[in-house]
Protein backbone atom coordinates (compact mmCIF):
# COMPACT_ATOMS: atom_id res chain seq x y z
CA MET A 1 0.00 0.00 0.00
CA GLU A 2 2.76 2.41 0.97
CA ASP A 3 4.71 1.77 -2.24
CA LYS A 4 1.68 2.49 -4.41
CA GLU A 5 1.00 5.71 -2.58
CA ASP A 6 4.59 6.98 -2.74
CA ASN A 7 4.65 6.39 -6.50
CA SER A 8 2.12 9.19 -6.90
CA PHE A 9 4.91 11.69 -6.34
CA THR A 10 8.05 9.65 -7.06
CA GLN A 11 10.12 9.90 -10.24
CA LEU A 12 12.85 7.71 -11.77
CA GLY A 13 15.96 7.20 -9.70
CA GLY A 14 14.12 6.57 -6.42
CA LYS A 15 13.59 10.28 -5.71
CA LYS A 16 10.46 12.28 -5.11
CA LYS A 17 9.40 15.29 -7.16
CA ASN A 18 10.96 17.58 -4.55
CA GLY A 19 14.36 15.90 -5.07
CA HIS A 20 14.34 14.09 -1.72
CA LYS A 21 14.98 10.37 -1.36
CA ALA A 22 11.98 8.04 -1.60
CA ASN A 23 12.22 7.16 2.10
CA CYS A 24 12.79 10.74 3.28
CA LYS A 25 10.62 11.67 6.27
CA CYS A 26 11.35 15.40 6.49
CA PRO A 27 8.37 17.71 7.17
CA ILE A 28 8.00 18.59 3.47
CA CYS A 29 7.76 14.91 2.45
CA ILE A 30 5.36 14.13 5.30
CA ASN A 31 3.21 17.02 4.10
CA MET A 32 3.24 15.65 0.52
CA LYS A 33 2.28 12.22 1.82
CA HIS A 34 -0.75 13.47 3.71
CA ALA A 35 -1.80 15.76 0.86
CA ASN A 36 -1.87 12.77 -1.52
CA LYS A 37 -3.81 10.64 0.95
CA SER A 38 -6.35 13.39 1.59
CA LYS A 39 -6.79 14.03 -2.13
CA TYR A 40 -7.41 10.33 -2.82
CA ILE A 41 -10.00 10.04 -0.07
CA LYS A 42 -11.74 13.26 -1.10
CA ASN A 43 -12.01 12.16 -4.74
CA LYS A 44 -13.19 8.70 -3.75
CA LYS A 45 -15.94 10.05 -1.51
CA HIS A 46 -17.03 12.49 -4.23
CA ASN A 47 -17.33 9.65 -6.74
CA LYS A 48 -19.37 7.56 -4.29
CA ARG A 49 -21.81 10.43 -3.71
CA GLY A 50 -22.41 10.55 -7.48
CA GLY A 51 -24.63 7.41 -7.16
CA THR A 52 -24.42 3.95 -8.62
CA ARG A 53 -26.44 4.63 -11.73
CA ARG A 54 -25.59 6.49 -14.96
CA LYS A 55 -27.51 7.24 -18.16
CA ARG A 56 -26.93 5.47 -21.46
CA LYS A 57 -26.79 7.41 -24.74
CA GLY A 58 -30.44 6.61 -25.44
CA GLY A 59 -31.56 8.03 -22.11
CA ALA A 60 -32.01 4.67 -20.35
CA GLU A 61 -30.23 4.02 -17.08
CA LYS A 62 -27.71 1.26 -16.45
CA ASP A 63 -27.21 -0.29 -13.04
CA GLU A 64 -23.44 -0.20 -12.30
CA ASP A 65 -23.84 -2.82 -9.59
CA SER A 66 -25.28 -5.39 -11.99
CA SER A 67 -21.83 -6.82 -12.71
CA SER A 68 -20.17 -8.98 -10.09
CA ASP A 69 -16.78 -7.75 -11.33
CA GLU A 70 -17.78 -4.16 -10.68
CA GLU A 71 -19.04 -5.10 -7.23
CA GLU A 72 -15.68 -6.65 -6.41
CA LYS A 73 -13.87 -3.54 -7.68
CA GLU A 74 -16.06 -1.29 -5.55
CA GLU A 75 -15.40 -3.41 -2.47
CA SER A 76 -11.67 -3.29 -3.19
CA ASP A 77 -11.78 0.49 -3.53
CA GLU A 78 -13.67 0.82 -0.27
CA GLU A 79 -11.08 -1.32 1.50
CA MET A 80 -8.32 0.87 0.05
CA GLU A 81 -10.12 3.99 1.27
CA ASP A 82 -10.54 2.53 4.75
CA GLU A 83 -6.85 1.62 4.84
CA LEU A 84 -5.82 5.16 3.90
CA GLU A 85 -8.09 6.62 6.55
CA ASP A 86 -6.62 4.23 9.15
CA GLU A 87 -3.09 5.29 8.20
CA LEU A 88 -3.99 8.94 8.65
CA GLU A 89 -5.52 8.22 12.04
CA ASP A 90 -2.43 6.26 13.13
CA GLU A 91 -0.11 9.24 12.49
CA PRO A 92 0.70 11.22 15.65
CA GLU A 93 -1.51 14.33 15.72
CA GLU A 94 1.37 16.70 16.33
CA MET A 95 3.31 15.27 13.34
CA VAL A 96 0.36 15.75 11.01
CA GLU A 97 -0.24 19.31 12.20
CA GLU A 98 3.44 20.23 11.87
CA ALA A 99 3.64 18.74 8.37
CA GLU A 100 0.59 20.72 7.29
CA LEU A 101 1.94 24.00 8.63
CA ARG A 102 5.68 23.64 8.01
CA ALA A 103 6.92 24.48 4.52
CA VAL A 104 10.58 25.23 5.40
CA ASP A 105 13.08 22.37 5.20
CA LEU A 106 14.64 22.12 8.67
CA SER A 107 16.95 19.20 7.87
CA ALA A 108 20.70 19.74 8.27
CA PRO A 109 22.80 20.02 5.08
CA ALA A 110 25.54 17.47 4.45
CA PHE A 111 28.43 19.73 5.50
CA MET A 112 26.84 20.42 8.89
CA ARG A 113 26.03 16.74 9.42
CA ALA A 114 29.69 15.89 8.73
CA SER A 115 30.82 18.57 11.18
CA ALA A 116 28.56 17.24 13.94
CA LYS A 117 29.77 13.66 13.37
CA ARG A 118 33.42 14.68 13.69
CA GLY A 119 32.64 16.70 16.81
CA LEU A 120 30.90 13.72 18.40
CA ALA A 121 33.87 11.46 17.62
CA LEU A 122 36.27 13.92 19.31
CA HIS A 123 33.89 14.31 22.25
CA GLU A 124 33.88 10.54 22.77
CA GLN A 125 37.68 10.73 22.92
CA GLY A 126 37.39 13.18 25.82
CA LEU A 127 38.58 16.22 23.83
CA SER A 128 35.56 18.46 24.32
CA GLY A 129 36.51 19.92 27.70
CA ASP A 130 34.53 20.18 30.93
CA GLY A 131 32.23 23.06 30.01
CA LEU A 132 30.29 21.30 27.29
CA MET A 133 26.54 21.19 27.91
CA PRO A 134 24.77 17.80 27.58
CA GLN A 135 22.12 19.46 25.41
CA THR A 136 24.81 20.45 22.91
CA VAL A 137 25.82 16.80 22.56
CA GLU A 138 22.21 15.69 22.15
CA ASP A 139 21.57 18.36 19.51
CA ALA A 140 24.75 17.31 17.69
CA ARG A 141 23.56 13.70 17.55
CA ASN A 142 20.31 14.86 16.01
CA MET A 143 22.17 17.09 13.56
CA ALA A 144 24.42 14.20 12.53
CA ALA A 145 21.21 12.32 11.68
CA GLY A 146 19.99 15.30 9.65
CA GLN A 147 17.50 16.61 12.21
CA VAL A 148 17.57 20.19 13.51
CA THR A 149 14.71 21.84 15.38
CA GLU A 150 13.47 25.36 14.65
CA ALA A 151 14.72 26.47 18.06
CA LYS A 152 18.22 25.16 17.29
CA TRP A 153 18.33 26.90 13.91
CA ARG A 154 17.51 30.17 15.65
CA LYS A 155 20.47 29.71 18.04
CA ILE A 156 23.15 28.55 15.59
CA GLY A 157 23.87 31.87 13.84
CA ALA A 158 24.26 33.85 17.05
CA TRP A 159 26.33 31.12 18.75
CA ILE A 160 28.80 30.95 15.86
CA ALA A 161 29.10 34.75 15.81
CA ARG A 162 30.10 34.71 19.49
CA HIS A 163 32.58 31.83 19.26
CA ILE A 164 34.11 32.02 15.77
CA ASP A 165 37.22 33.74 17.11
CA ASP A 166 37.90 30.70 19.31
CA LEU A 167 39.22 29.06 16.16
CA ASP A 168 42.14 31.53 16.13
CA ALA A 169 43.59 29.62 19.07
CA VAL A 170 43.85 26.41 17.04
CA GLN A 171 47.41 25.75 15.86
CA GLY A 172 47.87 23.28 13.02
CA ASP A 173 46.25 19.94 13.83
CA GLU A 174 45.67 20.89 17.46
CA ILE A 175 42.32 19.89 18.95
CA THR A 176 40.90 22.42 21.39
CA ALA A 177 37.65 22.48 23.32
CA GLY A 178 36.59 25.48 21.25
CA LEU A 179 37.18 23.58 18.03
CA VAL A 180 35.14 20.58 19.23
CA ALA A 181 32.31 22.86 20.29
CA MET A 182 32.26 24.54 16.87
CA LEU A 183 32.13 21.15 15.19
CA LEU A 184 29.24 20.07 17.39
CA TRP A 185 27.31 23.19 16.37
CA GLY A 186 27.85 22.35 12.69
CA GLY A 187 30.42 25.09 12.09
CA GLY A 188 33.30 22.93 10.90
CA SER A 189 36.96 23.47 11.79
CA SER A 190 37.72 26.75 10.00
CA LYS A 191 36.36 30.28 10.00
CA ALA A 192 35.24 29.84 6.38
CA SER A 193 33.18 26.76 7.22
CA ALA A 194 31.83 28.43 10.36
CA ARG A 195 30.62 31.43 8.34
CA ARG A 196 29.06 29.08 5.82
CA ALA A 197 27.06 27.36 8.57
CA GLN A 198 26.16 30.71 10.11
CA GLU A 199 24.84 32.06 6.80
CA TYR A 200 22.90 28.87 6.15
CA ALA A 201 21.27 29.05 9.58
CA ASN A 202 20.39 32.71 9.08
CA ARG A 203 18.71 31.90 5.75
CA VAL A 204 16.63 29.15 7.41
CA VAL A 205 15.50 31.61 10.08
CA GLU A 206 14.60 34.19 7.44
CA ARG A 207 12.42 31.64 5.66
CA LEU A 208 10.79 30.66 8.95
CA ASP A 209 10.00 34.28 9.76
CA SER A 210 8.53 34.87 6.30
CA GLU A 211 6.05 31.97 6.56
């Protein structure tokens, strides 16, 4: 059932029309999924309200339920409709509401995911220092998986602006607590990469504010 539904907005190469992977579960793709389900159910209910009889060319009426094959098809369609409705009901309410309202892609880009992964690896080696907040580590794990909340996006730009100069203390291949922290926030290991992440975060916030 799921495969048939996804094909309604999937193109060749296993990607959806929005360019995301077929199994992507970002808010935009969730929104597309529910839009397709709702459209199918709406059209199906509209067709059912149209009645089970239609006129022939000569003005006589033909009973659509006279054929056992048509009866089986109608039953199959009703089962499909019930299944779609059940799937919609099974989705968490907050996820459905967020998908319907959220049009901005909040997922982390590849360069920020790579930064968070490297930061986590250095943190596990004990190189992040004593002042690191547990929430920063949790957010970095989510970022490494491609997930960033709206609240986090709103913090990233300002945090990088305050701490970008910490990278000046890094000499060669030296690993400092400031460097690890910048990596965990998605800013990479250089000022250029930190500015790139800062600008990306600021653009996300601008799109959020313009919704």
